[in-house]
mmCIF file of all heavy atoms, coordinates in Angstrom:
data_MODEL
# 
_entry.id   MODEL 
# 
loop_
_atom_site.group_PDB 
_atom_site.id 
_atom_site.type_symbol 
_atom_site.label_atom_id 
_atom_site.label_alt_id 
_atom_site.label_comp_id 
_atom_site.label_asym_id 
_atom_site.label_entity_id 
_atom_site.label_seq_id 
_atom_site.pdbx_PDB_ins_code 
_atom_site.Cartn_x 
_atom_site.Cartn_y 
_atom_site.Cartn_z 
_atom_site.occupancy 
_atom_site.B_iso_or_equiv 
_atom_site.pdbx_formal_charge 
_atom_site.auth_seq_id 
_atom_site.auth_comp_id 
_atom_site.auth_asym_id 
_atom_site.auth_atom_id 
_atom_site.pdbx_PDB_model_num 
ATOM 1   N N   . ALA A 1 1  ? -3.412  11.551 -3.408 1.00 0.00 ? 1  ALA A N   1 
ATOM 2   C CA  . ALA A 1 1  ? -3.290  11.517 -1.937 1.00 0.00 ? 1  ALA A CA  1 
ATOM 3   C C   . ALA A 1 1  ? -4.577  11.054 -1.281 1.00 0.00 ? 1  ALA A C   1 
ATOM 4   O O   . ALA A 1 1  ? -4.560  10.247 -0.370 1.00 0.00 ? 1  ALA A O   1 
ATOM 5   C CB  . ALA A 1 1  ? -2.913  12.924 -1.413 1.00 0.00 ? 1  ALA A CB  1 
ATOM 6   N N   . VAL A 1 2  ? -5.722  11.542 -1.767 1.00 0.00 ? 2  VAL A N   1 
ATOM 7   C CA  . VAL A 1 2  ? -7.029  11.120 -1.229 1.00 0.00 ? 2  VAL A CA  1 
ATOM 8   C C   . VAL A 1 2  ? -7.274  9.655  -1.517 1.00 0.00 ? 2  VAL A C   1 
ATOM 9   O O   . VAL A 1 2  ? -7.703  8.897  -0.611 1.00 0.00 ? 2  VAL A O   1 
ATOM 10  C CB  . VAL A 1 2  ? -8.164  12.015 -1.776 1.00 0.00 ? 2  VAL A CB  1 
ATOM 11  C CG1 . VAL A 1 2  ? -9.522  11.446 -1.425 1.00 0.00 ? 2  VAL A CG1 1 
ATOM 12  C CG2 . VAL A 1 2  ? -8.025  13.451 -1.261 1.00 0.00 ? 2  VAL A CG2 1 
ATOM 13  N N   . GLN A 1 3  ? -7.002  9.229  -2.715 1.00 0.00 ? 3  GLN A N   1 
ATOM 14  C CA  . GLN A 1 3  ? -7.203  7.796  -3.070 1.00 0.00 ? 3  GLN A CA  1 
ATOM 15  C C   . GLN A 1 3  ? -6.310  6.915  -2.222 1.00 0.00 ? 3  GLN A C   1 
ATOM 16  O O   . GLN A 1 3  ? -6.727  5.848  -1.713 1.00 0.00 ? 3  GLN A O   1 
ATOM 17  C CB  . GLN A 1 3  ? -6.945  7.565  -4.558 1.00 0.00 ? 3  GLN A CB  1 
ATOM 18  C CG  . GLN A 1 3  ? -7.974  8.263  -5.439 1.00 0.00 ? 3  GLN A CG  1 
ATOM 19  C CD  . GLN A 1 3  ? -7.519  8.329  -6.899 1.00 0.00 ? 3  GLN A CD  1 
ATOM 20  O OE1 . GLN A 1 3  ? -6.377  8.114  -7.220 1.00 0.00 ? 3  GLN A OE1 1 
ATOM 21  N NE2 . GLN A 1 3  ? -8.467  8.654  -7.776 1.00 0.00 ? 3  GLN A NE2 1 
ATOM 22  N N   . THR A 1 4  ? -5.053  7.317  -2.059 1.00 0.00 ? 4  THR A N   1 
ATOM 23  C CA  . THR A 1 4  ? -4.114  6.529  -1.291 1.00 0.00 ? 4  THR A CA  1 
ATOM 24  C C   . THR A 1 4  ? -4.539  6.436  0.172  1.00 0.00 ? 4  THR A C   1 
ATOM 25  O O   . THR A 1 4  ? -4.516  5.372  0.785  1.00 0.00 ? 4  THR A O   1 
ATOM 26  C CB  . THR A 1 4  ? -2.700  7.139  -1.399 1.00 0.00 ? 4  THR A CB  1 
ATOM 27  O OG1 . THR A 1 4  ? -2.314  7.204  -2.763 1.00 0.00 ? 4  THR A OG1 1 
ATOM 28  C CG2 . THR A 1 4  ? -1.682  6.401  -0.588 1.00 0.00 ? 4  THR A CG2 1 
ATOM 29  N N   . ALA A 1 5  ? -4.947  7.565  0.742  1.00 0.00 ? 5  ALA A N   1 
ATOM 30  C CA  . ALA A 1 5  ? -5.413  7.592  2.137  1.00 0.00 ? 5  ALA A CA  1 
ATOM 31  C C   . ALA A 1 5  ? -6.611  6.685  2.329  1.00 0.00 ? 5  ALA A C   1 
ATOM 32  O O   . ALA A 1 5  ? -6.713  5.927  3.315  1.00 0.00 ? 5  ALA A O   1 
ATOM 33  C CB  . ALA A 1 5  ? -5.704  8.984  2.588  1.00 0.00 ? 5  ALA A CB  1 
ATOM 34  N N   . TYR A 1 6  ? -7.537  6.697  1.384  1.00 0.00 ? 6  TYR A N   1 
ATOM 35  C CA  . TYR A 1 6  ? -8.708  5.852  1.431  1.00 0.00 ? 6  TYR A CA  1 
ATOM 36  C C   . TYR A 1 6  ? -8.315  4.379  1.424  1.00 0.00 ? 6  TYR A C   1 
ATOM 37  O O   . TYR A 1 6  ? -8.794  3.585  2.223  1.00 0.00 ? 6  TYR A O   1 
ATOM 38  C CB  . TYR A 1 6  ? -9.668  6.162  0.270  1.00 0.00 ? 6  TYR A CB  1 
ATOM 39  C CG  . TYR A 1 6  ? -10.869 5.245  0.254  1.00 0.00 ? 6  TYR A CG  1 
ATOM 40  C CD1 . TYR A 1 6  ? -11.982 5.513  1.015  1.00 0.00 ? 6  TYR A CD1 1 
ATOM 41  C CD2 . TYR A 1 6  ? -10.863 4.079  -0.510 1.00 0.00 ? 6  TYR A CD2 1 
ATOM 42  C CE1 . TYR A 1 6  ? -13.099 4.683  1.031  1.00 0.00 ? 6  TYR A CE1 1 
ATOM 43  C CE2 . TYR A 1 6  ? -11.946 3.201  -0.504 1.00 0.00 ? 6  TYR A CE2 1 
ATOM 44  C CZ  . TYR A 1 6  ? -13.060 3.540  0.256  1.00 0.00 ? 6  TYR A CZ  1 
ATOM 45  O OH  . TYR A 1 6  ? -14.132 2.677  0.277  1.00 0.00 ? 6  TYR A OH  1 
ATOM 46  N N   . LEU A 1 7  ? -7.465  4.009  0.515  1.00 0.00 ? 7  LEU A N   1 
ATOM 47  C CA  . LEU A 1 7  ? -7.062  2.613  0.391  1.00 0.00 ? 7  LEU A CA  1 
ATOM 48  C C   . LEU A 1 7  ? -6.290  2.165  1.677  1.00 0.00 ? 7  LEU A C   1 
ATOM 49  O O   . LEU A 1 7  ? -6.547  1.079  2.185  1.00 0.00 ? 7  LEU A O   1 
ATOM 50  C CB  . LEU A 1 7  ? -6.173  2.385  -0.819 1.00 0.00 ? 7  LEU A CB  1 
ATOM 51  C CG  . LEU A 1 7  ? -6.892  2.532  -2.162 1.00 0.00 ? 7  LEU A CG  1 
ATOM 52  C CD1 . LEU A 1 7  ? -5.851  2.529  -3.301 1.00 0.00 ? 7  LEU A CD1 1 
ATOM 53  C CD2 . LEU A 1 7  ? -7.948  1.465  -2.339 1.00 0.00 ? 7  LEU A CD2 1 
ATOM 54  N N   . LYS A 1 8  ? -5.426  3.019  2.178  1.00 0.00 ? 8  LYS A N   1 
ATOM 55  C CA  . LYS A 1 8  ? -4.660  2.662  3.369  1.00 0.00 ? 8  LYS A CA  1 
ATOM 56  C C   . LYS A 1 8  ? -5.580  2.499  4.569  1.00 0.00 ? 8  LYS A C   1 
ATOM 57  O O   . LYS A 1 8  ? -5.419  1.599  5.388  1.00 0.00 ? 8  LYS A O   1 
ATOM 58  C CB  . LYS A 1 8  ? -3.578  3.696  3.636  1.00 0.00 ? 8  LYS A CB  1 
ATOM 59  C CG  . LYS A 1 8  ? -2.653  3.327  4.782  1.00 0.00 ? 8  LYS A CG  1 
ATOM 60  C CD  . LYS A 1 8  ? -1.514  4.325  4.898  1.00 0.00 ? 8  LYS A CD  1 
ATOM 61  C CE  . LYS A 1 8  ? -0.566  3.896  5.999  1.00 0.00 ? 8  LYS A CE  1 
ATOM 62  N NZ  . LYS A 1 8  ? 0.518   4.853  6.125  1.00 0.00 ? 8  LYS A NZ  1 
ATOM 63  N N   . ALA A 1 9  ? -6.587  3.407  4.677  1.00 0.00 ? 9  ALA A N   1 
ATOM 64  C CA  . ALA A 1 9  ? -7.500  3.360  5.830  1.00 0.00 ? 9  ALA A CA  1 
ATOM 65  C C   . ALA A 1 9  ? -8.468  2.176  5.770  1.00 0.00 ? 9  ALA A C   1 
ATOM 66  O O   . ALA A 1 9  ? -8.839  1.578  6.766  1.00 0.00 ? 9  ALA A O   1 
ATOM 67  C CB  . ALA A 1 9  ? -8.259  4.664  5.935  1.00 0.00 ? 9  ALA A CB  1 
ATOM 68  N N   . ASN A 1 10 ? -8.958  1.875  4.559  1.00 0.00 ? 10 ASN A N   1 
ATOM 69  C CA  . ASN A 1 10 ? -10.024 0.874  4.410  1.00 0.00 ? 10 ASN A CA  1 
ATOM 70  C C   . ASN A 1 10 ? -9.551  -0.524 3.972  1.00 0.00 ? 10 ASN A C   1 
ATOM 71  O O   . ASN A 1 10 ? -10.268 -1.484 4.151  1.00 0.00 ? 10 ASN A O   1 
ATOM 72  C CB  . ASN A 1 10 ? -11.089 1.376  3.412  1.00 0.00 ? 10 ASN A CB  1 
ATOM 73  C CG  . ASN A 1 10 ? -11.817 2.546  3.968  1.00 0.00 ? 10 ASN A CG  1 
ATOM 74  O OD1 . ASN A 1 10 ? -12.632 2.398  4.850  1.00 0.00 ? 10 ASN A OD1 1 
ATOM 75  N ND2 . ASN A 1 10 ? -11.483 3.770  3.498  1.00 0.00 ? 10 ASN A ND2 1 
ATOM 76  N N   . TYR A 1 11 ? -8.366  -0.616 3.395  1.00 0.00 ? 11 TYR A N   1 
ATOM 77  C CA  . TYR A 1 11 ? -7.784  -1.871 2.934  1.00 0.00 ? 11 TYR A CA  1 
ATOM 78  C C   . TYR A 1 11 ? -6.307  -1.954 3.305  1.00 0.00 ? 11 TYR A C   1 
ATOM 79  O O   . TYR A 1 11 ? -5.445  -2.069 2.493  1.00 0.00 ? 11 TYR A O   1 
ATOM 80  C CB  . TYR A 1 11 ? -7.953  -2.014 1.429  1.00 0.00 ? 11 TYR A CB  1 
ATOM 81  C CG  . TYR A 1 11 ? -9.376  -1.936 0.946  1.00 0.00 ? 11 TYR A CG  1 
ATOM 82  C CD1 . TYR A 1 11 ? -9.923  -0.723 0.517  1.00 0.00 ? 11 TYR A CD1 1 
ATOM 83  C CD2 . TYR A 1 11 ? -10.222 -3.054 0.968  1.00 0.00 ? 11 TYR A CD2 1 
ATOM 84  C CE1 . TYR A 1 11 ? -11.254 -0.632 0.103  1.00 0.00 ? 11 TYR A CE1 1 
ATOM 85  C CE2 . TYR A 1 11 ? -11.501 -2.995 0.555  1.00 0.00 ? 11 TYR A CE2 1 
ATOM 86  C CZ  . TYR A 1 11 ? -12.044 -1.778 0.133  1.00 0.00 ? 11 TYR A CZ  1 
ATOM 87  O OH  . TYR A 1 11 ? -13.334 -1.696 -0.286 1.00 0.00 ? 11 TYR A OH  1 
ATOM 88  N N   . PRO A 1 12 ? -6.011  -1.848 4.633  1.00 0.00 ? 12 PRO A N   1 
ATOM 89  C CA  . PRO A 1 12 ? -4.621  -1.745 5.030  1.00 0.00 ? 12 PRO A CA  1 
ATOM 90  C C   . PRO A 1 12 ? -3.751  -2.938 4.656  1.00 0.00 ? 12 PRO A C   1 
ATOM 91  O O   . PRO A 1 12 ? -2.617  -2.762 4.257  1.00 0.00 ? 12 PRO A O   1 
ATOM 92  C CB  . PRO A 1 12 ? -4.687  -1.586 6.550  1.00 0.00 ? 12 PRO A CB  1 
ATOM 93  C CG  . PRO A 1 12 ? -6.026  -2.116 6.942  1.00 0.00 ? 12 PRO A CG  1 
ATOM 94  C CD  . PRO A 1 12 ? -6.928  -1.853 5.770  1.00 0.00 ? 12 PRO A CD  1 
ATOM 95  N N   . ILE A 1 13 ? -4.299  -4.178 4.711  1.00 0.00 ? 13 ILE A N   1 
ATOM 96  C CA  . ILE A 1 13 ? -3.496  -5.340 4.388  1.00 0.00 ? 13 ILE A CA  1 
ATOM 97  C C   . ILE A 1 13 ? -3.161  -5.299 2.913  1.00 0.00 ? 13 ILE A C   1 
ATOM 98  O O   . ILE A 1 13 ? -1.986  -5.478 2.486  1.00 0.00 ? 13 ILE A O   1 
ATOM 99  C CB  . ILE A 1 13 ? -4.216  -6.635 4.769  1.00 0.00 ? 13 ILE A CB  1 
ATOM 100 C CG1 . ILE A 1 13 ? -4.323  -6.700 6.275  1.00 0.00 ? 13 ILE A CG1 1 
ATOM 101 C CG2 . ILE A 1 13 ? -3.503  -7.824 4.194  1.00 0.00 ? 13 ILE A CG2 1 
ATOM 102 C CD1 . ILE A 1 13 ? -5.208  -7.842 6.778  1.00 0.00 ? 13 ILE A CD1 1 
ATOM 103 N N   . GLU A 1 14 ? -4.174  -5.078 2.060  1.00 0.00 ? 14 GLU A N   1 
ATOM 104 C CA  . GLU A 1 14 ? -3.932  -5.011 0.629  1.00 0.00 ? 14 GLU A CA  1 
ATOM 105 C C   . GLU A 1 14 ? -3.008  -3.864 0.214  1.00 0.00 ? 14 GLU A C   1 
ATOM 106 O O   . GLU A 1 14 ? -2.126  -4.032 -0.618 1.00 0.00 ? 14 GLU A O   1 
ATOM 107 C CB  . GLU A 1 14 ? -5.287  -4.878 -0.125 1.00 0.00 ? 14 GLU A CB  1 
ATOM 108 C CG  . GLU A 1 14 ? -6.203  -6.099 0.026  1.00 0.00 ? 14 GLU A CG  1 
ATOM 109 C CD  . GLU A 1 14 ? -7.079  -6.073 1.273  1.00 0.00 ? 14 GLU A CD  1 
ATOM 110 O OE1 . GLU A 1 14 ? -6.833  -5.247 2.201  1.00 0.00 ? 14 GLU A OE1 1 
ATOM 111 O OE2 . GLU A 1 14 ? -7.963  -6.929 1.372  1.00 0.00 ? 14 GLU A OE2 1 
ATOM 112 N N   . TYR A 1 15 ? -3.198  -2.757 0.916  1.00 0.00 ? 15 TYR A N   1 
ATOM 113 C CA  . TYR A 1 15 ? -2.362  -1.571 0.619  1.00 0.00 ? 15 TYR A CA  1 
ATOM 114 C C   . TYR A 1 15 ? -0.907  -1.851 0.946  1.00 0.00 ? 15 TYR A C   1 
ATOM 115 O O   . TYR A 1 15 ? -0.009  -1.619 0.107  1.00 0.00 ? 15 TYR A O   1 
ATOM 116 C CB  . TYR A 1 15 ? -2.900  -0.360 1.410  1.00 0.00 ? 15 TYR A CB  1 
ATOM 117 C CG  . TYR A 1 15 ? -2.093  0.874  1.214  1.00 0.00 ? 15 TYR A CG  1 
ATOM 118 C CD1 . TYR A 1 15 ? -2.245  1.693  0.105  1.00 0.00 ? 15 TYR A CD1 1 
ATOM 119 C CD2 . TYR A 1 15 ? -1.096  1.245  2.133  1.00 0.00 ? 15 TYR A CD2 1 
ATOM 120 C CE1 . TYR A 1 15 ? -1.492  2.823  -0.093 1.00 0.00 ? 15 TYR A CE1 1 
ATOM 121 C CE2 . TYR A 1 15 ? -0.334  2.388  1.927  1.00 0.00 ? 15 TYR A CE2 1 
ATOM 122 C CZ  . TYR A 1 15 ? -0.544  3.160  0.825  1.00 0.00 ? 15 TYR A CZ  1 
ATOM 123 O OH  . TYR A 1 15 ? 0.223   4.285  0.632  1.00 0.00 ? 15 TYR A OH  1 
ATOM 124 N N   . MET A 1 16 ? -0.645  -2.362 2.110  1.00 0.00 ? 16 MET A N   1 
ATOM 125 C CA  . MET A 1 16 ? 0.729   -2.623 2.528  1.00 0.00 ? 16 MET A CA  1 
ATOM 126 C C   . MET A 1 16 ? 1.346   -3.738 1.689  1.00 0.00 ? 16 MET A C   1 
ATOM 127 O O   . MET A 1 16 ? 2.513   -3.713 1.365  1.00 0.00 ? 16 MET A O   1 
ATOM 128 C CB  . MET A 1 16 ? 0.786   -2.938 4.023  1.00 0.00 ? 16 MET A CB  1 
ATOM 129 C CG  . MET A 1 16 ? 0.353   -1.758 4.928  1.00 0.00 ? 16 MET A CG  1 
ATOM 130 S SD  . MET A 1 16 ? 1.251   -0.239 4.633  1.00 0.00 ? 16 MET A SD  1 
ATOM 131 C CE  . MET A 1 16 ? 2.861   -0.607 5.346  1.00 0.00 ? 16 MET A CE  1 
ATOM 132 N N   . THR A 1 17 ? 0.524   -4.755 1.337  1.00 0.00 ? 17 THR A N   1 
ATOM 133 C CA  . THR A 1 17 ? 1.005   -5.852 0.477  1.00 0.00 ? 17 THR A CA  1 
ATOM 134 C C   . THR A 1 17 ? 1.454   -5.273 -0.889 1.00 0.00 ? 17 THR A C   1 
ATOM 135 O O   . THR A 1 17 ? 2.507   -5.629 -1.406 1.00 0.00 ? 17 THR A O   1 
ATOM 136 C CB  . THR A 1 17 ? -0.074  -6.874 0.261  1.00 0.00 ? 17 THR A CB  1 
ATOM 137 O OG1 . THR A 1 17 ? -0.432  -7.424 1.542  1.00 0.00 ? 17 THR A OG1 1 
ATOM 138 C CG2 . THR A 1 17 ? 0.401   -8.028 -0.626 1.00 0.00 ? 17 THR A CG2 1 
ATOM 139 N N   . ALA A 1 18 ? 0.638   -4.358 -1.401 1.00 0.00 ? 18 ALA A N   1 
ATOM 140 C CA  . ALA A 1 18 ? 0.974   -3.747 -2.715 1.00 0.00 ? 18 ALA A CA  1 
ATOM 141 C C   . ALA A 1 18 ? 2.265   -2.929 -2.607 1.00 0.00 ? 18 ALA A C   1 
ATOM 142 O O   . ALA A 1 18 ? 3.139   -3.028 -3.497 1.00 0.00 ? 18 ALA A O   1 
ATOM 143 C CB  . ALA A 1 18 ? -0.165  -2.885 -3.200 1.00 0.00 ? 18 ALA A CB  1 
ATOM 144 N N   . LEU A 1 19 ? 2.417   -2.181 -1.528 1.00 0.00 ? 19 LEU A N   1 
ATOM 145 C CA  . LEU A 1 19 ? 3.657   -1.391 -1.362 1.00 0.00 ? 19 LEU A CA  1 
ATOM 146 C C   . LEU A 1 19 ? 4.890   -2.284 -1.352 1.00 0.00 ? 19 LEU A C   1 
ATOM 147 O O   . LEU A 1 19 ? 5.884   -2.012 -1.976 1.00 0.00 ? 19 LEU A O   1 
ATOM 148 C CB  . LEU A 1 19 ? 3.584   -0.575 -0.077 1.00 0.00 ? 19 LEU A CB  1 
ATOM 149 C CG  . LEU A 1 19 ? 2.819   0.732  -0.138 1.00 0.00 ? 19 LEU A CG  1 
ATOM 150 C CD1 . LEU A 1 19 ? 2.847   1.394  1.267  1.00 0.00 ? 19 LEU A CD1 1 
ATOM 151 C CD2 . LEU A 1 19 ? 3.385   1.686  -1.155 1.00 0.00 ? 19 LEU A CD2 1 
ATOM 152 N N   . MET A 1 20 ? 4.784   -3.348 -0.554 1.00 0.00 ? 20 MET A N   1 
ATOM 153 C CA  . MET A 1 20 ? 5.930   -4.230 -0.444 1.00 0.00 ? 20 MET A CA  1 
ATOM 154 C C   . MET A 1 20 ? 6.202   -4.966 -1.750 1.00 0.00 ? 20 MET A C   1 
ATOM 155 O O   . MET A 1 20 ? 7.355   -5.263 -2.054 1.00 0.00 ? 20 MET A O   1 
ATOM 156 C CB  . MET A 1 20 ? 5.743   -5.225 0.740  1.00 0.00 ? 20 MET A CB  1 
ATOM 157 C CG  . MET A 1 20 ? 5.908   -4.525 2.062  1.00 0.00 ? 20 MET A CG  1 
ATOM 158 S SD  . MET A 1 20 ? 5.949   -5.662 3.449  1.00 0.00 ? 20 MET A SD  1 
ATOM 159 C CE  . MET A 1 20 ? 4.227   -6.040 3.597  1.00 0.00 ? 20 MET A CE  1 
ATOM 160 N N   . SER A 1 21 ? 5.160   -5.234 -2.513 1.00 0.00 ? 21 SER A N   1 
ATOM 161 C CA  . SER A 1 21 ? 5.344   -5.862 -3.825 1.00 0.00 ? 21 SER A CA  1 
ATOM 162 C C   . SER A 1 21 ? 6.036   -4.940 -4.802 1.00 0.00 ? 21 SER A C   1 
ATOM 163 O O   . SER A 1 21 ? 6.953   -5.301 -5.532 1.00 0.00 ? 21 SER A O   1 
ATOM 164 C CB  . SER A 1 21 ? 4.007   -6.342 -4.398 1.00 0.00 ? 21 SER A CB  1 
ATOM 165 O OG  . SER A 1 21 ? 3.470   -7.318 -3.599 1.00 0.00 ? 21 SER A OG  1 
ATOM 166 N N   . VAL A 1 22 ? 5.584   -3.702 -4.816 1.00 0.00 ? 22 VAL A N   1 
ATOM 167 C CA  . VAL A 1 22 ? 6.128   -2.712 -5.767 1.00 0.00 ? 22 VAL A CA  1 
ATOM 168 C C   . VAL A 1 22 ? 7.610   -2.434 -5.466 1.00 0.00 ? 22 VAL A C   1 
ATOM 169 O O   . VAL A 1 22 ? 8.419   -2.300 -6.366 1.00 0.00 ? 22 VAL A O   1 
ATOM 170 C CB  . VAL A 1 22 ? 5.289   -1.420 -5.751 1.00 0.00 ? 22 VAL A CB  1 
ATOM 171 C CG1 . VAL A 1 22 ? 5.997   -0.288 -6.458 1.00 0.00 ? 22 VAL A CG1 1 
ATOM 172 C CG2 . VAL A 1 22 ? 3.904   -1.662 -6.319 1.00 0.00 ? 22 VAL A CG2 1 
ATOM 173 N N   . PHE A 1 23 ? 7.929   -2.350 -4.180 1.00 0.00 ? 23 PHE A N   1 
ATOM 174 C CA  . PHE A 1 23 ? 9.309   -2.001 -3.781 1.00 0.00 ? 23 PHE A CA  1 
ATOM 175 C C   . PHE A 1 23 ? 10.069  -3.178 -3.252 1.00 0.00 ? 23 PHE A C   1 
ATOM 176 O O   . PHE A 1 23 ? 10.980  -3.051 -2.422 1.00 0.00 ? 23 PHE A O   1 
ATOM 177 C CB  . PHE A 1 23 ? 9.262   -0.869 -2.722 1.00 0.00 ? 23 PHE A CB  1 
ATOM 178 C CG  . PHE A 1 23 ? 8.664   0.398  -3.233 1.00 0.00 ? 23 PHE A CG  1 
ATOM 179 C CD1 . PHE A 1 23 ? 7.387   0.808  -2.868 1.00 0.00 ? 23 PHE A CD1 1 
ATOM 180 C CD2 . PHE A 1 23 ? 9.363   1.167  -4.144 1.00 0.00 ? 23 PHE A CD2 1 
ATOM 181 C CE1 . PHE A 1 23 ? 6.862   1.960  -3.347 1.00 0.00 ? 23 PHE A CE1 1 
ATOM 182 C CE2 . PHE A 1 23 ? 8.815   2.356  -4.651 1.00 0.00 ? 23 PHE A CE2 1 
ATOM 183 C CZ  . PHE A 1 23 ? 7.547   2.761  -4.269 1.00 0.00 ? 23 PHE A CZ  1 
ATOM 184 N N   . ARG A 1 24 ? 9.767   -4.378 -3.760 1.00 0.00 ? 24 ARG A N   1 
ATOM 185 C CA  . ARG A 1 24 ? 10.436  -5.602 -3.240 1.00 0.00 ? 24 ARG A CA  1 
ATOM 186 C C   . ARG A 1 24 ? 11.941  -5.603 -3.411 1.00 0.00 ? 24 ARG A C   1 
ATOM 187 O O   . ARG A 1 24 ? 12.620  -6.232 -2.636 1.00 0.00 ? 24 ARG A O   1 
ATOM 188 C CB  . ARG A 1 24 ? 9.777   -6.855 -3.836 1.00 0.00 ? 24 ARG A CB  1 
ATOM 189 C CG  . ARG A 1 24 ? 10.043  -7.035 -5.295 1.00 0.00 ? 24 ARG A CG  1 
ATOM 190 C CD  . ARG A 1 24 ? 9.364   -8.306 -5.801 1.00 0.00 ? 24 ARG A CD  1 
ATOM 191 N NE  . ARG A 1 24 ? 9.375   -8.372 -7.259 1.00 0.00 ? 24 ARG A NE  1 
ATOM 192 C CZ  . ARG A 1 24 ? 8.384   -7.918 -8.002 1.00 0.00 ? 24 ARG A CZ  1 
ATOM 193 N NH1 . ARG A 1 24 ? 7.286   -7.458 -7.481 1.00 0.00 ? 24 ARG A NH1 1 
ATOM 194 N NH2 . ARG A 1 24 ? 8.453   -7.994 -9.331 1.00 0.00 ? 24 ARG A NH2 1 
ATOM 195 N N   . GLY A 1 25 ? 12.454  -4.898 -4.369 1.00 0.00 ? 25 GLY A N   1 
ATOM 196 C CA  . GLY A 1 25 ? 13.906  -4.875 -4.564 1.00 0.00 ? 25 GLY A CA  1 
ATOM 197 C C   . GLY A 1 25 ? 14.616  -3.814 -3.690 1.00 0.00 ? 25 GLY A C   1 
ATOM 198 O O   . GLY A 1 25 ? 15.834  -3.799 -3.633 1.00 0.00 ? 25 GLY A O   1 
ATOM 199 N N   . ASP A 1 26 ? 13.858  -3.004 -2.978 1.00 0.00 ? 26 ASP A N   1 
ATOM 200 C CA  . ASP A 1 26 ? 14.428  -1.937 -2.120 1.00 0.00 ? 26 ASP A CA  1 
ATOM 201 C C   . ASP A 1 26 ? 14.317  -2.377 -0.682 1.00 0.00 ? 26 ASP A C   1 
ATOM 202 O O   . ASP A 1 26 ? 13.274  -2.210 -0.060 1.00 0.00 ? 26 ASP A O   1 
ATOM 203 C CB  . ASP A 1 26 ? 13.658  -0.626 -2.398 1.00 0.00 ? 26 ASP A CB  1 
ATOM 204 C CG  . ASP A 1 26 ? 14.295  0.561  -1.676 1.00 0.00 ? 26 ASP A CG  1 
ATOM 205 O OD1 . ASP A 1 26 ? 14.926  0.384  -0.626 1.00 0.00 ? 26 ASP A OD1 1 
ATOM 206 O OD2 . ASP A 1 26 ? 14.085  1.700  -2.164 1.00 0.00 ? 26 ASP A OD2 1 
ATOM 207 N N   . LEU A 1 27 ? 15.396  -2.950 -0.168 1.00 0.00 ? 27 LEU A N   1 
ATOM 208 C CA  . LEU A 1 27 ? 15.351  -3.547 1.172  1.00 0.00 ? 27 LEU A CA  1 
ATOM 209 C C   . LEU A 1 27 ? 15.056  -2.520 2.264  1.00 0.00 ? 27 LEU A C   1 
ATOM 210 O O   . LEU A 1 27 ? 14.354  -2.836 3.233  1.00 0.00 ? 27 LEU A O   1 
ATOM 211 C CB  . LEU A 1 27 ? 16.678  -4.265 1.479  1.00 0.00 ? 27 LEU A CB  1 
ATOM 212 C CG  . LEU A 1 27 ? 16.986  -5.492 0.577  1.00 0.00 ? 27 LEU A CG  1 
ATOM 213 C CD1 . LEU A 1 27 ? 18.299  -6.125 0.958  1.00 0.00 ? 27 LEU A CD1 1 
ATOM 214 C CD2 . LEU A 1 27 ? 15.866  -6.489 0.684  1.00 0.00 ? 27 LEU A CD2 1 
# 
């Protein structure tokens, strides 16, 4: 949770890109 919050706060574009890549099959 701490690592995720850090990434989302400091690298929001990369974080959201990664989420959308991981869940690309889940519309």
